[in-house]
Amino acid sequence: MSDLVSGSDPPMSEAKGGFDAARIQEVKAWLVS
């Protein structure tokens, strides 16, 4: 399950474009739960 989520990480260009890593991890954790 966690592999699936980690496999769908956003590209580095999007992370550099202003993504909030903490917010993304929070959303991932909520989706997994």
PDB file of all heavy atoms in Angstrom:
ATOM      1  N   MET A   1       0.836  -1.199   0.000  1.00  0.00           N
ATOM      2  CA  MET A   1       0.000   0.000   0.000  1.00  0.00           C
ATOM      3  C   MET A   1       0.868   1.243   0.000  1.00  0.00           C
ATOM      4  O   MET A   1       0.660   2.152  -0.780  1.00  0.00           O
ATOM      5  CB  MET A   1      -0.892  -0.037   1.246  1.00  0.00           C
ATOM      6  CG  MET A   1      -1.673   1.233   1.454  1.00  0.00           C
ATOM      7  SD  MET A   1      -3.288   1.221   0.719  1.00  0.00           S
ATOM      8  CE  MET A   1      -3.944  -0.359   1.069  1.00  0.00           C
ATOM      9  N   SER A   2       1.855   1.280   0.934  1.00  0.00           N
ATOM     10  CA  SER A   2       2.727   2.445   0.991  1.00  0.00           C
ATOM     11  C   SER A   2       3.573   2.562  -0.259  1.00  0.00           C
ATOM     12  O   SER A   2       3.968   3.647  -0.665  1.00  0.00           O
ATOM     13  CB  SER A   2       3.606   2.401   2.237  1.00  0.00           C
ATOM     14  OG  SER A   2       4.371   1.194   2.217  1.00  0.00           O
ATOM     15  N   ASP A   3       3.888   1.374  -0.890  1.00  0.00           N
ATOM     16  CA  ASP A   3       4.647   1.424  -2.137  1.00  0.00           C
ATOM     17  C   ASP A   3       3.848   2.121  -3.226  1.00  0.00           C
ATOM     18  O   ASP A   3       4.381   2.871  -4.032  1.00  0.00           O
ATOM     19  CB  ASP A   3       5.010   0.001  -2.591  1.00  0.00           C
ATOM     20  CG  ASP A   3       6.003  -0.641  -1.622  1.00  0.00           C
ATOM     21  OD1 ASP A   3       6.654   0.132  -0.887  1.00  0.00           O
ATOM     22  OD2 ASP A   3       6.084  -1.878  -1.602  1.00  0.00           O
ATOM     23  N   LEU A   4       2.524   1.841  -3.258  1.00  0.00           N
ATOM     24  CA  LEU A   4       1.676   2.478  -4.263  1.00  0.00           C
ATOM     25  C   LEU A   4       1.684   3.988  -4.084  1.00  0.00           C
ATOM     26  O   LEU A   4       1.782   4.763  -5.028  1.00  0.00           O
ATOM     27  CB  LEU A   4       0.244   1.954  -4.163  1.00  0.00           C
ATOM     28  CG  LEU A   4      -0.089   0.749  -5.059  1.00  0.00           C
ATOM     29  CD1 LEU A   4      -1.483   0.268  -4.725  1.00  0.00           C
ATOM     30  CD2 LEU A   4       0.014   1.128  -6.506  1.00  0.00           C
ATOM     31  N   VAL A   5       1.532   4.389  -2.828  1.00  0.00           N
ATOM     32  CA  VAL A   5       1.485   5.825  -2.564  1.00  0.00           C
ATOM     33  C   VAL A   5       2.805   6.487  -2.913  1.00  0.00           C
ATOM     34  O   VAL A   5       2.871   7.547  -3.526  1.00  0.00           O
ATOM     35  CB  VAL A   5       1.088   6.080  -1.098  1.00  0.00           C
ATOM     36  CG1 VAL A   5       1.126   7.551  -0.783  1.00  0.00           C
ATOM     37  CG2 VAL A   5      -0.268   5.484  -0.819  1.00  0.00           C
ATOM     38  N   SER A   6       3.916   5.819  -2.511  1.00  0.00           N
ATOM     39  CA  SER A   6       5.221   6.403  -2.810  1.00  0.00           C
ATOM     40  C   SER A   6       5.496   6.383  -4.294  1.00  0.00           C
ATOM     41  O   SER A   6       6.200   7.234  -4.820  1.00  0.00           O
ATOM     42  CB  SER A   6       6.316   5.648  -2.049  1.00  0.00           C
ATOM     43  OG  SER A   6       6.321   4.271  -2.462  1.00  0.00           O
ATOM     44  N   GLY A   7       4.921   5.384  -5.000  1.00  0.00           N
ATOM     45  CA  GLY A   7       5.124   5.316  -6.438  1.00  0.00           C
ATOM     46  C   GLY A   7       4.435   6.425  -7.182  1.00  0.00           C
ATOM     47  O   GLY A   7       4.745   6.699  -8.326  1.00  0.00           O
ATOM     48  N   SER A   8       3.444   7.071  -6.550  1.00  0.00           N
ATOM     49  CA  SER A   8       2.706   8.150  -7.210  1.00  0.00           C
ATOM     50  C   SER A   8       3.147   9.504  -6.723  1.00  0.00           C
ATOM     51  O   SER A   8       2.376  10.433  -6.665  1.00  0.00           O
ATOM     52  CB  SER A   8       1.201   7.976  -6.984  1.00  0.00           C
ATOM     53  OG  SER A   8       0.927   7.977  -5.597  1.00  0.00           O
ATOM     54  N   ASP A   9       4.451   9.607  -6.266  1.00  0.00           N
ATOM     55  CA  ASP A   9       4.952  10.898  -5.809  1.00  0.00           C
ATOM     56  C   ASP A   9       4.989  11.884  -6.960  1.00  0.00           C
ATOM     57  O   ASP A   9       5.243  11.509  -8.112  1.00  0.00           O
ATOM     58  CB  ASP A   9       6.377  10.743  -5.253  1.00  0.00           C
ATOM     59  CG  ASP A   9       6.347  10.042  -3.900  1.00  0.00           C
ATOM     60  OD1 ASP A   9       5.244  10.001  -3.308  1.00  0.00           O
ATOM     61  OD2 ASP A   9       7.388   9.520  -3.471  1.00  0.00           O
ATOM     62  N   PRO A  10       4.771  13.153  -6.677  1.00  0.00           N
ATOM     63  CA  PRO A  10       4.823  14.144  -7.742  1.00  0.00           C
ATOM     64  C   PRO A  10       6.227  14.319  -8.266  1.00  0.00           C
ATOM     65  O   PRO A  10       7.191  14.099  -7.550  1.00  0.00           O
ATOM     66  CB  PRO A  10       4.329  15.422  -7.060  1.00  0.00           C
ATOM     67  CG  PRO A  10       4.622  15.221  -5.629  1.00  0.00           C
ATOM     68  CD  PRO A  10       4.467  13.759  -5.370  1.00  0.00           C
ATOM     69  N   PRO A  11       6.385  14.710  -9.502  1.00  0.00           N
ATOM     70  CA  PRO A  11       7.722  14.928 -10.073  1.00  0.00           C
ATOM     71  C   PRO A  11       8.454  16.028  -9.336  1.00  0.00           C
ATOM     72  O   PRO A  11       7.879  16.851  -8.639  1.00  0.00           O
ATOM     73  CB  PRO A  11       7.427  15.332 -11.527  1.00  0.00           C
ATOM     74  CG  PRO A  11       6.032  14.842 -11.792  1.00  0.00           C
ATOM     75  CD  PRO A  11       5.320  14.886 -10.494  1.00  0.00           C
ATOM     76  N   MET A  12       9.771  16.026  -9.532  1.00  0.00           N
ATOM     77  CA  MET A  12      10.602  17.026  -8.864  1.00  0.00           C
ATOM     78  C   MET A  12      10.286  18.428  -9.365  1.00  0.00           C
ATOM     79  O   MET A  12      10.365  19.396  -8.621  1.00  0.00           O
ATOM     80  CB  MET A  12      12.088  16.704  -9.122  1.00  0.00           C
ATOM     81  CG  MET A  12      12.553  15.432  -8.425  1.00  0.00           C
ATOM     82  SD  MET A  12      12.329  15.500  -6.636  1.00  0.00           S
ATOM     83  CE  MET A  12      13.509  16.774  -6.247  1.00  0.00           C
ATOM     84  N   SER A  13       9.890  18.518 -10.647  1.00  0.00           N
ATOM     85  CA  SER A  13       9.576  19.847 -11.175  1.00  0.00           C
ATOM     86  C   SER A  13       8.373  20.432 -10.469  1.00  0.00           C
ATOM     87  O   SER A  13       8.315  21.626 -10.188  1.00  0.00           O
ATOM     88  CB  SER A  13       9.319  19.764 -12.687  1.00  0.00           C
ATOM     89  OG  SER A  13       8.240  18.864 -12.930  1.00  0.00           O
ATOM     90  N   GLU A  14       7.372  19.579 -10.145  1.00  0.00           N
ATOM     91  CA  GLU A  14       6.190  20.085  -9.441  1.00  0.00           C
ATOM     92  C   GLU A  14       6.545  20.465  -8.013  1.00  0.00           C
ATOM     93  O   GLU A  14       6.048  21.446  -7.472  1.00  0.00           O
ATOM     94  CB  GLU A  14       5.089  19.026  -9.459  1.00  0.00           C
ATOM     95  CG  GLU A  14       4.548  18.756 -10.855  1.00  0.00           C
ATOM     96  CD  GLU A  14       3.434  17.722 -10.822  1.00  0.00           C
ATOM     97  OE1 GLU A  14       3.215  17.173  -9.733  1.00  0.00           O
ATOM     98  OE2 GLU A  14       2.817  17.500 -11.864  1.00  0.00           O
ATOM     99  N   ALA A  15       7.428  19.652  -7.377  1.00  0.00           N
ATOM    100  CA  ALA A  15       7.848  19.996  -6.015  1.00  0.00           C
ATOM    101  C   ALA A  15       8.583  21.316  -6.005  1.00  0.00           C
ATOM    102  O   ALA A  15       8.410  22.140  -5.113  1.00  0.00           O
ATOM    103  CB  ALA A  15       8.741  18.887  -5.454  1.00  0.00           C
ATOM    104  N   LYS A  16       9.389  21.531  -7.023  1.00  0.00           N
ATOM    105  CA  LYS A  16      10.089  22.810  -7.108  1.00  0.00           C
ATOM    106  C   LYS A  16       9.140  23.931  -7.438  1.00  0.00           C
ATOM    107  O   LYS A  16       9.435  25.082  -7.196  1.00  0.00           O
ATOM    108  CB  LYS A  16      11.187  22.712  -8.177  1.00  0.00           C
ATOM    109  CG  LYS A  16      12.316  21.761  -7.785  1.00  0.00           C
ATOM    110  CD  LYS A  16      13.344  21.680  -8.899  1.00  0.00           C
ATOM    111  CE  LYS A  16      14.481  20.729  -8.536  1.00  0.00           C
ATOM    112  NZ  LYS A  16      15.460  20.615  -9.637  1.00  0.00           N
ATOM    113  N   GLY A  17       7.977  23.601  -8.046  1.00  0.00           N
ATOM    114  CA  GLY A  17       7.034  24.633  -8.442  1.00  0.00           C
ATOM    115  C   GLY A  17       6.238  25.184  -7.290  1.00  0.00           C
ATOM    116  O   GLY A  17       5.323  25.962  -7.490  1.00  0.00           O
ATOM    117  N   GLY A  18       6.453  24.756  -6.079  1.00  0.00           N
ATOM    118  CA  GLY A  18       5.758  25.369  -4.953  1.00  0.00           C
ATOM    119  C   GLY A  18       4.911  24.398  -4.150  1.00  0.00           C
ATOM    120  O   GLY A  18       4.064  24.811  -3.361  1.00  0.00           O
ATOM    121  N   PHE A  19       5.067  23.091  -4.328  1.00  0.00           N
ATOM    122  CA  PHE A  19       4.300  22.134  -3.543  1.00  0.00           C
ATOM    123  C   PHE A  19       4.760  22.186  -2.095  1.00  0.00           C
ATOM    124  O   PHE A  19       5.952  22.249  -1.801  1.00  0.00           O
ATOM    125  CB  PHE A  19       4.504  20.706  -4.084  1.00  0.00           C
ATOM    126  CG  PHE A  19       3.535  20.363  -5.189  1.00  0.00           C
ATOM    127  CD1 PHE A  19       3.598  21.018  -6.389  1.00  0.00           C
ATOM    128  CD2 PHE A  19       2.572  19.391  -5.007  1.00  0.00           C
ATOM    129  CE1 PHE A  19       2.732  20.724  -7.398  1.00  0.00           C
ATOM    130  CE2 PHE A  19       1.701  19.080  -6.017  1.00  0.00           C
ATOM    131  CZ  PHE A  19       1.776  19.738  -7.222  1.00  0.00           C
ATOM    132  N   ASP A  20       3.830  22.053  -1.172  1.00  0.00           N
ATOM    133  CA  ASP A  20       4.146  21.980   0.250  1.00  0.00           C
ATOM    134  C   ASP A  20       4.336  20.514   0.612  1.00  0.00           C
ATOM    135  O   ASP A  20       3.375  19.740   0.617  1.00  0.00           O
ATOM    136  CB  ASP A  20       3.021  22.618   1.061  1.00  0.00           C
ATOM    137  CG  ASP A  20       3.407  22.768   2.526  1.00  0.00           C
ATOM    138  OD1 ASP A  20       4.441  22.208   2.913  1.00  0.00           O
ATOM    139  OD2 ASP A  20       2.655  23.439   3.262  1.00  0.00           O
ATOM    140  N   ALA A  21       5.568  20.116   0.899  1.00  0.00           N
ATOM    141  CA  ALA A  21       5.853  18.697   1.164  1.00  0.00           C
ATOM    142  C   ALA A  21       5.085  18.201   2.382  1.00  0.00           C
ATOM    143  O   ALA A  21       4.566  17.074   2.404  1.00  0.00           O
ATOM    144  CB  ALA A  21       7.365  18.504   1.354  1.00  0.00           C
ATOM    145  N   ALA A  22       5.002  19.025   3.405  1.00  0.00           N
ATOM    146  CA  ALA A  22       4.295  18.593   4.612  1.00  0.00           C
ATOM    147  C   ALA A  22       2.818  18.362   4.326  1.00  0.00           C
ATOM    148  O   ALA A  22       2.216  17.382   4.787  1.00  0.00           O
ATOM    149  CB  ALA A  22       4.461  19.654   5.701  1.00  0.00           C
ATOM    150  N   ARG A  23       2.222  19.238   3.524  1.00  0.00           N
ATOM    151  CA  ARG A  23       0.804  19.086   3.177  1.00  0.00           C
ATOM    152  C   ARG A  23       0.588  17.835   2.323  1.00  0.00           C
ATOM    153  O   ARG A  23      -0.382  17.100   2.506  1.00  0.00           O
ATOM    154  CB  ARG A  23       0.314  20.319   2.447  1.00  0.00           C
ATOM    155  CG  ARG A  23      -1.125  20.242   2.022  1.00  0.00           C
ATOM    156  CD  ARG A  23      -1.608  21.549   1.444  1.00  0.00           C
ATOM    157  NE  ARG A  23      -1.739  22.573   2.473  1.00  0.00           N
ATOM    158  CZ  ARG A  23      -2.323  23.754   2.292  1.00  0.00           C
ATOM    159  NH1 ARG A  23      -2.819  24.061   1.091  1.00  0.00           N
ATOM    160  NH2 ARG A  23      -2.398  24.633   3.262  1.00  0.00           N
ATOM    161  N   ILE A  24       1.534  17.555   1.409  1.00  0.00           N
ATOM    162  CA  ILE A  24       1.418  16.363   0.570  1.00  0.00           C
ATOM    163  C   ILE A  24       1.489  15.106   1.427  1.00  0.00           C
ATOM    164  O   ILE A  24       0.697  14.163   1.265  1.00  0.00           O
ATOM    165  CB  ILE A  24       2.520  16.364  -0.512  1.00  0.00           C
ATOM    166  CG1 ILE A  24       2.306  17.542  -1.479  1.00  0.00           C
ATOM    167  CG2 ILE A  24       2.540  15.051  -1.275  1.00  0.00           C
ATOM    168  CD1 ILE A  24       3.426  17.709  -2.484  1.00  0.00           C
ATOM    169  N   GLN A  25       2.434  15.067   2.353  1.00  0.00           N
ATOM    170  CA  GLN A  25       2.560  13.895   3.226  1.00  0.00           C
ATOM    171  C   GLN A  25       1.316  13.736   4.103  1.00  0.00           C
ATOM    172  O   GLN A  25       0.861  12.624   4.364  1.00  0.00           O
ATOM    173  CB  GLN A  25       3.813  14.045   4.107  1.00  0.00           C
ATOM    174  CG  GLN A  25       5.121  13.992   3.334  1.00  0.00           C
ATOM    175  CD  GLN A  25       5.287  12.678   2.569  1.00  0.00           C
ATOM    176  OE1 GLN A  25       4.871  11.600   3.031  1.00  0.00           O
ATOM    177  NE2 GLN A  25       5.895  12.777   1.385  1.00  0.00           N
ATOM    178  N   GLU A  26       0.759  14.859   4.529  1.00  0.00           N
ATOM    179  CA  GLU A  26      -0.464  14.799   5.345  1.00  0.00           C
ATOM    180  C   GLU A  26      -1.625  14.225   4.539  1.00  0.00           C
ATOM    181  O   GLU A  26      -2.388  13.384   5.020  1.00  0.00           O
ATOM    182  CB  GLU A  26      -0.798  16.207   5.839  1.00  0.00           C
ATOM    183  CG  GLU A  26      -1.957  16.261   6.822  1.00  0.00           C
ATOM    184  CD  GLU A  26      -2.217  17.681   7.307  1.00  0.00           C
ATOM    185  OE1 GLU A  26      -1.399  18.575   6.994  1.00  0.00           O
ATOM    186  OE2 GLU A  26      -3.242  17.879   7.990  1.00  0.00           O
ATOM    187  N   VAL A  27      -1.751  14.668   3.260  1.00  0.00           N
ATOM    188  CA  VAL A  27      -2.806  14.148   2.395  1.00  0.00           C
ATOM    189  C   VAL A  27      -2.599  12.670   2.127  1.00  0.00           C
ATOM    190  O   VAL A  27      -3.553  11.875   2.149  1.00  0.00           O
ATOM    191  CB  VAL A  27      -2.840  14.962   1.080  1.00  0.00           C
ATOM    192  CG1 VAL A  27      -3.737  14.284   0.053  1.00  0.00           C
ATOM    193  CG2 VAL A  27      -3.327  16.373   1.342  1.00  0.00           C
ATOM    194  N   LYS A  28      -1.330  12.263   1.884  1.00  0.00           N
ATOM    195  CA  LYS A  28      -1.047  10.855   1.644  1.00  0.00           C
ATOM    196  C   LYS A  28      -1.430  10.001   2.847  1.00  0.00           C
ATOM    197  O   LYS A  28      -2.057   8.934   2.702  1.00  0.00           O
ATOM    198  CB  LYS A  28       0.430  10.672   1.318  1.00  0.00           C
ATOM    199  CG  LYS A  28       0.838  11.171  -0.046  1.00  0.00           C
ATOM    200  CD  LYS A  28       2.324  10.910  -0.266  1.00  0.00           C
ATOM    201  CE  LYS A  28       2.772  11.395  -1.637  1.00  0.00           C
ATOM    202  NZ  LYS A  28       4.218  11.152  -1.860  1.00  0.00           N
ATOM    203  N   ALA A  29      -1.052  10.449   4.028  1.00  0.00           N
ATOM    204  CA  ALA A  29      -1.377   9.689   5.237  1.00  0.00           C
ATOM    205  C   ALA A  29      -2.877   9.566   5.432  1.00  0.00           C
ATOM    206  O   ALA A  29      -3.397   8.497   5.796  1.00  0.00           O
ATOM    207  CB  ALA A  29      -0.732  10.370   6.444  1.00  0.00           C
ATOM    208  N   TRP A  30      -3.588  10.653   5.145  1.00  0.00           N
ATOM    209  CA  TRP A  30      -5.055  10.592   5.300  1.00  0.00           C
ATOM    210  C   TRP A  30      -5.693   9.636   4.283  1.00  0.00           C
ATOM    211  O   TRP A  30      -6.581   8.864   4.602  1.00  0.00           O
ATOM    212  CB  TRP A  30      -5.630  11.990   5.129  1.00  0.00           C
ATOM    213  CG  TRP A  30      -7.125  12.019   5.191  1.00  0.00           C
ATOM    214  CD1 TRP A  30      -7.901  11.880   6.291  1.00  0.00           C
ATOM    215  CD2 TRP A  30      -8.008  12.174   4.082  1.00  0.00           C
ATOM    216  NE1 TRP A  30      -9.233  11.937   5.963  1.00  0.00           N
ATOM    217  CE2 TRP A  30      -9.322  12.129   4.603  1.00  0.00           C
ATOM    218  CE3 TRP A  30      -7.821  12.365   2.719  1.00  0.00           C
ATOM    219  CZ2 TRP A  30     -10.442  12.255   3.789  1.00  0.00           C
ATOM    220  CZ3 TRP A  30      -8.939  12.488   1.925  1.00  0.00           C
ATOM    221  CH2 TRP A  30     -10.225  12.432   2.448  1.00  0.00           C
ATOM    222  N   LEU A  31      -5.190   9.663   3.035  1.00  0.00           N
ATOM    223  CA  LEU A  31      -5.718   8.751   2.020  1.00  0.00           C
ATOM    224  C   LEU A  31      -5.460   7.301   2.396  1.00  0.00           C
ATOM    225  O   LEU A  31      -6.329   6.434   2.246  1.00  0.00           O
ATOM    226  CB  LEU A  31      -5.072   9.064   0.652  1.00  0.00           C
ATOM    227  CG  LEU A  31      -5.530  10.356  -0.034  1.00  0.00           C
ATOM    228  CD1 LEU A  31      -4.713  10.612  -1.300  1.00  0.00           C
ATOM    229  CD2 LEU A  31      -7.007  10.277  -0.389  1.00  0.00           C
ATOM    230  N   VAL A  32      -4.248   7.011   2.880  1.00  0.00           N
ATOM    231  CA  VAL A  32      -3.915   5.639   3.279  1.00  0.00           C
ATOM    232  C   VAL A  32      -4.831   5.173   4.394  1.00  0.00           C
ATOM    233  O   VAL A  32      -5.362   4.054   4.372  1.00  0.00           O
ATOM    234  CB  VAL A  32      -2.437   5.563   3.695  1.00  0.00           C
ATOM    235  CG1 VAL A  32      -2.130   4.209   4.350  1.00  0.00           C
ATOM    236  CG2 VAL A  32      -1.534   5.770   2.489  1.00  0.00           C
ATOM    237  N   SER A  33      -5.054   6.046   5.394  1.00  0.00           N
ATOM    238  CA  SER A  33      -5.911   5.643   6.509  1.00  0.00           C
ATOM    239  C   SER A  33      -7.345   5.400   6.061  1.00  0.00           C
ATOM    240  O   SER A  33      -7.986   4.430   6.494  1.00  0.00           O
ATOM    241  CB  SER A  33      -5.877   6.717   7.605  1.00  0.00           C
ATOM    242  OG  SER A  33      -6.430   7.939   7.105  1.00  0.00           O
TER     243      SER A  33
END
